[in-house]
Every structure is written in structure tokens, then in C-alpha cells.
Amino acid sequence: MPSFRSVSVARFAAAIVLLCVTASPALGALGSSSGDAPTAERGPFEERNQLPFNLLFLAFPSRGGRTLLPGEQQFLVSQTYSNTLIGSETFFTDLNPASDARQRLSPTLVALAQASHPGLSLFFLDLEHARTELRWRAGILRWLELGAEVPFLSYRGGSFDGLIESYHRGLGLPSGGRELFVRDAVEIALTLDDEIYFAGESPSLFQIGDVSLFGRIPLRRSPGGDLALSAAVKLPTGKAESLGGSGGTDYGLDLEGTWRWGRQRLHGAAGWVQAGDWSLFPRFEPASMWSLLAGYEYLSKSRLSWIAQVQSQSSVFRGLPQADPDLSRPSTELLMGLKRSSRDEAWTFEAAIIEGLFNQNNAVDIGIRTGFVRRFPGH
């Protein structure tokens, strides 16, 4: 990407985090005694990286180290909606229109770009996409928790491009090349060797994705912190040709922990995933992926948790010869928001904003997450 897609947005997001931290009265409780703390914690947002290509493969949702006790159950319904316009530099420089008219990407333009950069894997993503998620977790035994995740994927042209451009102009932020392309369109392109995938309209407005099954065992349980090990497998239940899934079976492991003092929580996780085949590109061998999470949660007296978390995931294109550098680098996101529970902690509402960090050309521009959790206590 051109240099104008700099870290300006990341610095702006970091400034918001710093402002929230320094202004929050919650920090007045820093170092307070653990006896002053609420009994319930809500954990990090059970979110995964939202880059559209990453959504096709297995990833562990962000969770704390606490596993459910026998008889406990949890149902989550969430919706994450993101706006993304990123791509290889050639689509923002070599293919600029001669006039001021905005352009649409086409198979012809993608083929020309591939021909001018032989052997280089190129990509382009201009769309708004949603991931609707149903997740169930249950404590089966004291040492075993099981769960399942059923996602639904949607690809839309959306309606927020004009608002985002106005926001960038108003704050003096770089446009990221948005002024070159038509607004509110779906344009997806990926080239691997001599194979090309192109979508000039929505592959699907609502489709089931690949279902994932999870198992967790506690490694440590204590008032000061919990540690758990998770294993998962993703099954090819979605349609690869319409970007509902990868068409292959993935599996992985994740180590998750929570540390507690007073009303504060630190959550961390490190995961590894072995990706299976990708049906759209039979000759492509996806790389194994790693993921990292660091999150902070503050529990207020009003059954409210304030949460900020940073999570990063490596790319399935990592190590691919002649890959666009942005395509093969890790994708990192910042989430900031809140969770509010009912008096009996049976229901929890959550909301967060998502912002791409560091390299702005391999992450979503901005996203919004909302969700509801229903909890059932154990026996």
C-alpha cells in the first residue's frame, strides 16, 4: 500500500485508549483488596480476528481461564459487523483512473494486475461483512468443558463508506485510497499463482459457515487466577465457493489464563491452528496459524465490566513465496467496550468497537460487536 495508509488511525485509537484509562475513575481502585471485588467476572469478548480471509479458518474465540463447573451452561448470540477496504498496492497506484471518476474493480483489471506482477499473490477487499454467531458451552465434568460454535457469514456493499470518508476528512486522517473506488460495493479479489478468485457482488447475504467443536480442561483453579487448555476442530459445513468456509478440516490448541486482583482482571491466551485444505485453491497449502490475546477487565459495582483487549493472528499466507507482504503479515485488532449483567448474572449484554492496529492494510478498518449471553448455574 502507499505510505499514506500509515499508522495514523492506530495512533488515534491508541490515544482513545490512553484517554479512557487516564480519565476513568476505575483506576482509583487500583491495588484495592480482593475482598472488595464482585463475585462475578465476565471475561474478555469472545471474539476472533475479523479479516474476511481469516474467518474461513479455525480460530479460538477470546476467553478467560475459567472453565465452567459441572452443570453450568452458557449460550451466546453475537453479531460483528465490519467495514474493510484494503488491498495490494498495485490496485491503488497502477490502476488509478485517468479522470476523477471512481472505479470498480473487474476481472479484467485483476488479470492485468496479475500480468504486470507475475508470480506475486495479490489481494483486494472492499466490502462490509457480518458474522453472526451462536455458541454453546457446558461444564460436563469438573475437569471437562465442551462447546460448539455455529457461525453465519454475510457479505454486503453496506452504507458506511461515505460516513467513514467524512470522518477521515474531518479529523485529517488519510483516506486509505477510498476516494478511488465506488462506495458501498462488494469487491473481493485474490490471486495465488495463476489462479484467480473474483467477486464483484455479494457471494452470499446470509449463509452458515464452518461449525467448530471445542473441549477445555482446567490446568489451575484458584482465587488469584485460572489456567485452561482448549482443543478444537473445525468442520467443512460451509460452502467454500461462496466464502462460507474453507472446505477443509482444521484443528488446534489454545492456552488461556486469567489473573485477578481486586476489581481488575488480566486475560491472556496463546493459540495454534493447523489449517486444512482450501477448496477454492486446491494447490495452495495454508500455513499453520498462531494467535495471541492480551485483555484488561475492570469490574464496577453496578454489574458492569469495562474491557479493552488486543488480539493478533498470523496469516494462512505466511511463508507463501512471492506473497504480497501485507497479505502474509499478522492481523491485529483492538477491542474496547463493556459488558452489563442482570442482577442475578443470568443475562449479559455486551458491546464493543473494533479497530485495526499497526499495519492498516491487513485488518478491518472498523467494526462493531454486540451480543447477549444467557447463563445457567450448575447443580
Protein backbone atom coordinates (compact mmCIF):
# COMPACT_ATOMS: atom_id res chain seq x y z
CA MET A 1 0.00 0.00 0.00
CA PRO A 2 1.10 3.60 -0.43
CA SER A 3 2.66 5.31 2.56
CA PHE A 4 -0.50 7.34 3.23
CA ARG A 5 -2.03 4.18 4.73
CA SER A 6 0.13 4.82 7.77
CA VAL A 7 -0.29 4.13 11.46
CA SER A 8 -2.29 7.36 11.93
CA VAL A 9 -5.52 5.52 12.66
CA ALA A 10 -3.69 3.21 15.06
CA ARG A 11 -2.25 6.23 16.88
CA PHE A 12 -5.70 7.75 17.05
CA ALA A 13 -7.11 4.53 18.54
CA ALA A 14 -4.22 4.37 21.00
CA ALA A 15 -4.96 7.95 22.04
CA ILE A 16 -8.56 6.98 22.79
CA VAL A 17 -7.35 4.09 24.95
CA LEU A 18 -4.98 6.40 26.83
CA LEU A 19 -7.74 8.96 27.34
CA CYS A 20 -10.16 6.33 28.68
CA VAL A 21 -7.54 4.90 31.04
CA THR A 22 -6.36 8.23 32.43
CA ALA A 23 -9.88 9.62 32.81
CA SER A 24 -11.53 6.53 34.26
CA PRO A 25 -12.34 6.69 37.99
CA ALA A 26 -11.93 2.93 37.97
CA LEU A 27 -8.19 3.38 38.36
CA GLY A 28 -8.87 4.77 41.78
CA ALA A 29 -9.44 1.17 42.84
CA LEU A 30 -6.03 0.04 41.63
CA GLY A 31 -4.49 -2.13 44.30
CA SER A 32 -7.74 -2.44 46.31
CA SER A 33 -8.22 -5.53 48.39
CA SER A 34 -9.69 -8.64 46.83
CA GLY A 35 -12.45 -8.66 49.45
CA ASP A 36 -13.84 -5.52 47.82
CA ALA A 37 -14.31 -7.28 44.47
CA PRO A 38 -17.56 -8.51 42.89
CA THR A 39 -18.07 -12.25 42.81
CA ALA A 40 -18.72 -12.44 39.04
CA GLU A 41 -16.36 -11.71 36.17
CA ARG A 42 -17.47 -11.60 32.57
CA GLY A 43 -14.22 -12.29 30.78
CA PRO A 44 -12.91 -10.86 27.51
CA PHE A 45 -15.05 -10.53 24.40
CA GLU A 46 -15.33 -13.98 22.82
CA GLU A 47 -14.20 -12.52 19.53
CA ARG A 48 -11.87 -13.70 16.79
CA ASN A 49 -9.99 -11.83 14.09
CA GLN A 50 -12.44 -10.35 11.57
CA LEU A 51 -10.32 -10.16 8.40
CA PRO A 52 -12.58 -11.93 5.84
CA PHE A 53 -9.96 -14.46 4.70
CA ASN A 54 -9.22 -15.37 8.34
CA LEU A 55 -12.92 -16.03 9.00
CA LEU A 56 -12.79 -19.05 6.70
CA PHE A 57 -10.43 -20.96 9.01
CA LEU A 58 -10.47 -22.10 12.62
CA ALA A 59 -9.68 -19.53 15.30
CA PHE A 60 -10.21 -19.66 19.05
CA PRO A 61 -12.61 -17.09 20.48
CA SER A 62 -11.05 -14.94 23.18
CA ARG A 63 -11.91 -16.41 26.60
CA GLY A 64 -10.57 -16.22 30.10
CA GLY A 65 -9.01 -19.08 32.01
CA ARG A 66 -12.10 -20.05 33.98
CA THR A 67 -13.83 -23.25 32.85
CA LEU A 68 -17.48 -23.99 33.63
CA LEU A 69 -18.26 -26.26 36.55
CA PRO A 70 -20.44 -29.39 36.14
CA GLY A 71 -23.98 -28.41 35.18
CA GLU A 72 -23.12 -24.82 34.23
CA GLN A 73 -24.13 -23.76 30.72
CA GLN A 74 -23.70 -20.64 28.65
CA PHE A 75 -25.39 -19.61 25.40
CA LEU A 76 -24.01 -16.70 23.35
CA VAL A 77 -25.62 -14.90 20.42
CA SER A 78 -23.40 -12.22 18.87
CA GLN A 79 -23.20 -10.04 15.79
CA THR A 80 -19.99 -8.48 14.48
CA TYR A 81 -20.22 -6.03 11.59
CA SER A 82 -17.06 -4.64 9.93
CA ASN A 83 -16.10 -2.28 7.12
CA THR A 84 -12.94 -3.08 5.15
CA LEU A 85 -11.11 -1.54 2.19
CA ILE A 86 -7.58 -2.90 1.80
CA GLY A 87 -5.52 -4.43 -0.98
CA SER A 88 -2.24 -4.75 -2.83
CA GLU A 89 -0.51 -1.51 -3.74
CA THR A 90 -0.98 -2.01 -7.48
CA PHE A 91 -4.74 -1.55 -7.14
CA PHE A 92 -4.21 1.91 -5.62
CA THR A 93 -1.41 3.12 -7.92
CA ASP A 94 -1.02 1.35 -11.25
CA LEU A 95 -4.77 1.15 -11.84
CA ASN A 96 -5.69 4.73 -10.95
CA PRO A 97 -8.30 6.14 -13.37
CA ALA A 98 -7.24 8.94 -15.72
CA SER A 99 -10.18 11.10 -14.59
CA ASP A 100 -11.60 11.86 -11.16
CA ALA A 101 -14.29 9.24 -11.65
CA ARG A 102 -14.39 6.44 -9.11
CA GLN A 103 -13.73 2.97 -10.48
CA ARG A 104 -14.95 -0.54 -9.88
CA LEU A 105 -12.64 -3.49 -9.79
CA SER A 106 -13.24 -6.05 -12.55
CA PRO A 107 -11.84 -9.44 -13.60
CA THR A 108 -10.02 -7.66 -16.42
CA LEU A 109 -8.28 -5.23 -14.05
CA VAL A 110 -7.34 -8.08 -11.72
CA ALA A 111 -5.90 -10.07 -14.64
CA LEU A 112 -3.91 -7.02 -15.80
CA ALA A 113 -2.52 -6.52 -12.31
CA GLN A 114 -1.53 -10.18 -12.14
CA ALA A 115 0.12 -9.99 -15.54
CA SER A 116 2.13 -6.90 -14.51
CA HIS A 117 3.32 -8.66 -11.34
CA PRO A 118 3.89 -12.27 -12.46
CA GLY A 119 4.15 -14.73 -9.62
CA LEU A 120 3.09 -12.20 -6.96
CA SER A 121 -0.02 -13.09 -4.95
CA LEU A 122 -2.35 -10.08 -4.92
CA PHE A 123 -5.50 -9.29 -2.95
CA PHE A 124 -8.26 -6.69 -2.70
CA LEU A 125 -11.13 -6.41 -0.19
CA ASP A 126 -13.78 -3.68 -0.39
CA LEU A 127 -16.94 -4.63 1.49
CA GLU A 128 -18.89 -4.67 4.72
CA HIS A 129 -19.20 -8.11 6.24
CA ALA A 130 -21.03 -9.59 9.21
CA ARG A 131 -20.50 -12.68 11.33
CA THR A 132 -23.49 -13.86 13.32
CA GLU A 133 -22.50 -16.42 15.91
CA LEU A 134 -24.26 -18.97 18.08
CA ARG A 135 -22.08 -20.56 20.76
CA TRP A 136 -22.87 -23.10 23.49
CA ARG A 137 -20.60 -24.06 26.38
CA ALA A 138 -21.29 -26.55 29.17
CA GLY A 139 -19.45 -27.99 32.16
CA ILE A 140 -19.63 -31.76 31.73
CA LEU A 141 -17.26 -32.88 34.47
CA ARG A 142 -15.18 -30.95 36.95
CA TRP A 143 -12.24 -31.38 34.60
CA LEU A 144 -14.04 -31.07 31.25
CA GLU A 145 -15.97 -28.36 29.42
CA LEU A 146 -17.43 -28.87 25.94
CA GLY A 147 -18.72 -26.33 23.43
CA ALA A 148 -19.87 -25.72 19.87
CA GLU A 149 -19.87 -22.69 17.60
CA VAL A 150 -22.20 -22.15 14.62
CA PRO A 151 -21.38 -19.03 12.54
CA PHE A 152 -23.35 -17.34 9.76
CA LEU A 153 -21.48 -15.12 7.29
CA SER A 154 -22.82 -12.18 5.28
CA TYR A 155 -21.10 -10.05 2.63
CA ARG A 156 -22.64 -6.68 1.77
CA GLY A 157 -21.83 -3.45 -0.02
CA GLY A 158 -23.08 -1.63 3.03
CA SER A 159 -23.77 2.05 3.50
CA PHE A 160 -20.99 3.42 5.71
CA ASP A 161 -18.30 4.31 3.14
CA GLY A 162 -19.49 7.92 2.83
CA LEU A 163 -19.62 8.35 6.60
CA ILE A 164 -16.11 6.91 7.03
CA GLU A 165 -14.72 9.19 4.31
CA SER A 166 -16.31 12.22 6.01
CA TYR A 167 -14.87 11.11 9.34
CA HIS A 168 -11.38 10.84 7.84
CA ARG A 169 -11.65 14.27 6.23
CA GLY A 170 -12.99 15.86 9.41
CA LEU A 171 -10.08 14.61 11.53
CA GLY A 172 -7.43 15.00 8.87
CA LEU A 173 -6.78 11.25 8.68
CA PRO A 174 -5.52 9.59 5.46
CA SER A 175 -8.24 8.25 3.20
CA GLY A 176 -6.55 4.93 2.54
CA GLY A 177 -7.40 5.12 -1.16
CA ARG A 178 -11.16 5.14 -0.58
CA GLU A 179 -11.70 8.05 -2.98
CA LEU A 180 -10.51 5.89 -5.89
CA PHE A 181 -13.30 3.32 -5.73
CA VAL A 182 -17.09 3.41 -5.84
CA ARG A 183 -18.81 3.50 -2.49
CA ASP A 184 -20.83 0.73 -0.87
CA ALA A 185 -19.76 -2.06 -3.23
CA VAL A 186 -18.62 -5.65 -2.76
CA GLU A 187 -15.28 -6.28 -4.48
CA ILE A 188 -13.17 -9.26 -3.46
CA ALA A 189 -10.09 -10.48 -5.34
CA LEU A 190 -7.30 -12.93 -4.57
CA THR A 191 -4.64 -14.34 -6.90
CA LEU A 192 -2.48 -17.34 -5.99
CA ASP A 193 -0.01 -18.33 -8.70
CA ASP A 194 -2.13 -18.45 -11.87
CA GLU A 195 -5.46 -18.93 -10.04
CA ILE A 196 -7.85 -16.02 -9.53
CA TYR A 197 -10.90 -15.61 -7.31
CA PHE A 198 -13.04 -12.55 -8.01
CA ALA A 199 -16.43 -11.44 -6.67
CA GLY A 200 -17.96 -8.20 -7.94
CA GLU A 201 -21.10 -8.69 -5.89
CA SER A 202 -22.04 -10.37 -2.63
CA PRO A 203 -21.11 -14.09 -2.57
CA SER A 204 -23.90 -14.55 -0.03
CA LEU A 205 -26.13 -12.33 2.09
CA PHE A 206 -26.52 -14.95 4.86
CA GLN A 207 -25.07 -18.43 4.93
CA ILE A 208 -23.96 -20.96 7.50
CA GLY A 209 -20.21 -21.17 7.98
CA ASP A 210 -17.92 -23.91 9.22
CA VAL A 211 -19.01 -25.33 12.57
CA SER A 212 -16.36 -25.66 15.32
CA LEU A 213 -16.31 -28.03 18.31
CA PHE A 214 -14.35 -27.20 21.48
CA GLY A 215 -13.11 -29.03 24.54
CA ARG A 216 -11.43 -27.40 27.58
CA ILE A 217 -9.70 -28.76 30.65
CA PRO A 218 -8.64 -26.70 33.68
CA LEU A 219 -4.94 -26.67 34.48
CA ARG A 220 -5.26 -24.41 37.51
CA ARG A 221 -8.13 -23.10 39.61
CA SER A 222 -7.52 -20.56 42.38
CA PRO A 223 -8.93 -17.23 43.65
CA GLY A 224 -5.91 -15.47 42.18
CA GLY A 225 -6.16 -16.93 38.71
CA ASP A 226 -7.20 -19.73 36.38
CA LEU A 227 -5.45 -21.51 33.54
CA ALA A 228 -7.10 -23.75 30.93
CA LEU A 229 -6.11 -25.71 27.84
CA SER A 230 -8.50 -25.85 24.88
CA ALA A 231 -8.62 -28.10 21.83
CA ALA A 232 -10.85 -27.54 18.81
CA VAL A 233 -11.75 -28.90 15.40
CA LYS A 234 -13.48 -27.00 12.57
CA LEU A 235 -15.68 -28.99 10.18
CA PRO A 236 -16.31 -28.04 6.50
CA THR A 237 -20.04 -27.32 6.80
CA GLY A 238 -19.97 -24.03 4.87
CA LYS A 239 -19.76 -23.56 1.10
CA ALA A 240 -16.23 -22.65 0.05
CA GLU A 241 -17.30 -21.29 -3.35
CA SER A 242 -19.42 -18.58 -1.70
CA LEU A 243 -16.87 -17.85 1.06
CA GLY A 244 -18.87 -19.67 3.71
CA GLY A 245 -15.84 -21.68 4.81
CA SER A 246 -12.55 -23.15 3.65
CA GLY A 247 -13.88 -26.54 2.60
CA GLY A 248 -11.29 -28.26 4.81
CA THR A 249 -10.92 -29.52 8.38
CA ASP A 250 -8.78 -27.52 10.82
CA TYR A 251 -7.68 -28.32 14.36
CA GLY A 252 -5.75 -26.53 17.08
CA LEU A 253 -4.80 -25.88 20.72
CA ASP A 254 -5.16 -22.77 22.87
CA LEU A 255 -3.76 -21.89 26.32
CA GLU A 256 -5.96 -19.38 28.20
CA GLY A 257 -5.43 -17.64 31.52
CA THR A 258 -6.99 -15.10 33.88
CA TRP A 259 -5.23 -13.26 36.73
CA ARG A 260 -7.26 -11.45 39.42
CA TRP A 261 -6.65 -8.74 41.96
CA GLY A 262 -9.32 -6.52 43.44
CA ARG A 263 -11.78 -5.48 40.77
CA GLN A 264 -9.29 -5.97 38.00
CA ARG A 265 -8.65 -8.86 35.66
CA LEU A 266 -5.92 -9.61 33.16
CA HIS A 267 -6.76 -12.13 30.44
CA GLY A 268 -4.26 -13.76 28.13
CA ALA A 269 -4.20 -16.51 25.51
CA ALA A 270 -1.84 -18.13 23.02
CA GLY A 271 -3.15 -20.47 20.33
CA TRP A 272 -2.00 -22.60 17.41
CA VAL A 273 -4.10 -23.88 14.49
CA GLN A 274 -3.23 -26.34 11.75
CA ALA A 275 -5.27 -25.27 8.73
CA GLY A 276 -6.60 -27.87 6.31
CA ASP A 277 -7.16 -27.55 2.58
CA TRP A 278 -8.80 -24.53 0.94
CA SER A 279 -11.17 -25.79 -1.75
CA LEU A 280 -11.03 -22.57 -3.78
CA PHE A 281 -7.29 -23.07 -4.31
CA PRO A 282 -6.56 -26.82 -4.33
CA ARG A 283 -2.83 -26.38 -4.94
CA PHE A 284 -2.41 -23.89 -2.09
CA GLU A 285 -1.18 -25.23 1.25
CA PRO A 286 -2.33 -22.87 4.05
CA ALA A 287 0.26 -22.20 6.73
CA SER A 288 -0.35 -23.09 10.35
CA MET A 289 -1.53 -20.09 12.35
CA TRP A 290 -0.78 -18.71 15.80
CA SER A 291 -2.81 -16.22 17.82
CA LEU A 292 -2.17 -14.04 20.88
CA LEU A 293 -4.52 -12.18 23.23
CA ALA A 294 -3.96 -9.63 26.00
CA GLY A 295 -7.01 -8.13 27.70
CA TYR A 296 -7.85 -5.94 30.69
CA GLU A 297 -11.21 -6.02 32.52
CA TYR A 298 -12.40 -3.73 35.30
CA LEU A 299 -15.48 -4.78 37.30
CA SER A 300 -17.59 -1.92 38.62
CA LYS A 301 -20.11 -2.11 41.46
CA SER A 302 -23.04 -1.86 39.06
CA ARG A 303 -22.56 -5.30 37.41
CA LEU A 304 -20.66 -3.56 34.63
CA SER A 305 -17.31 -4.61 33.14
CA TRP A 306 -15.14 -2.25 31.09
CA ILE A 307 -12.90 -4.23 28.74
CA ALA A 308 -10.01 -3.48 26.40
CA GLN A 309 -8.21 -6.24 24.56
CA VAL A 310 -5.64 -6.59 21.78
CA GLN A 311 -5.54 -9.77 19.73
CA SER A 312 -3.32 -10.80 16.85
CA GLN A 313 -3.49 -13.68 14.39
CA SER A 314 -0.95 -14.81 11.83
CA SER A 315 -1.91 -15.38 8.20
CA VAL A 316 -2.55 -18.61 6.32
CA PHE A 317 -0.45 -16.97 3.58
CA ARG A 318 2.60 -16.76 5.87
CA GLY A 319 5.65 -18.18 4.14
CA LEU A 320 3.99 -18.19 0.72
CA PRO A 321 6.66 -17.41 -1.91
CA GLN A 322 6.06 -14.13 -3.73
CA ALA A 323 3.11 -13.25 -1.46
CA ASP A 324 2.13 -9.62 -1.06
CA PRO A 325 3.84 -8.65 2.23
CA ASP A 326 0.60 -7.25 3.67
CA LEU A 327 -1.16 -10.50 2.84
CA SER A 328 1.30 -12.60 4.80
CA ARG A 329 1.73 -10.42 7.92
CA PRO A 330 -0.21 -10.89 11.18
CA SER A 331 -3.52 -9.09 11.55
CA THR A 332 -4.01 -7.25 14.86
CA GLU A 333 -7.18 -5.70 16.29
CA LEU A 334 -8.10 -3.60 19.31
CA LEU A 335 -11.48 -4.12 21.01
CA MET A 336 -12.90 -1.66 23.55
CA GLY A 337 -16.31 -1.88 25.15
CA LEU A 338 -18.44 -3.07 28.03
CA LYS A 339 -20.47 -5.96 29.40
CA ARG A 340 -23.51 -5.37 31.64
CA SER A 341 -25.21 -8.19 33.56
CA SER A 342 -28.61 -8.59 35.14
CA ARG A 343 -28.84 -8.63 38.94
CA ASP A 344 -28.72 -12.43 39.09
CA GLU A 345 -25.95 -12.59 36.43
CA ALA A 346 -28.19 -14.80 34.28
CA TRP A 347 -28.14 -12.36 31.35
CA THR A 348 -25.30 -10.25 29.99
CA PHE A 349 -25.34 -7.66 27.21
CA GLU A 350 -22.07 -6.70 25.53
CA ALA A 351 -20.98 -4.08 23.02
CA ALA A 352 -17.55 -3.21 21.61
CA ILE A 353 -15.85 -1.28 18.85
CA ILE A 354 -13.10 -2.93 16.77
CA GLU A 355 -10.16 -1.08 15.22
CA GLY A 356 -7.28 -2.43 13.16
CA LEU A 357 -3.82 -1.79 14.64
CA PHE A 358 -0.23 -1.44 13.40
CA ASN A 359 -0.43 -2.43 9.72
CA GLN A 360 -3.68 -0.90 8.45
CA ASN A 361 -3.55 -2.89 5.20
CA ASN A 362 -4.23 -6.35 6.64
CA ALA A 363 -7.03 -5.71 9.15
CA VAL A 364 -10.59 -4.42 9.11
CA ASP A 365 -10.90 -0.63 9.13
CA ILE A 366 -13.53 -0.57 11.84
CA GLY A 367 -16.12 -2.94 13.31
CA ILE A 368 -18.90 -3.13 15.89
CA ARG A 369 -19.75 -6.12 18.08
CA THR A 370 -22.94 -6.72 20.07
CA GLY A 371 -24.04 -9.83 21.90
CA PHE A 372 -26.22 -11.46 24.55
CA VAL A 373 -25.16 -14.23 26.92
CA ARG A 374 -27.55 -16.47 28.87
CA ARG A 375 -26.07 -18.38 31.80
CA PHE A 376 -27.46 -21.37 33.69
CA PRO A 377 -25.88 -22.21 37.05
CA GLY A 378 -24.60 -25.64 37.94
CA HIS A 379 -26.22 -28.02 40.37
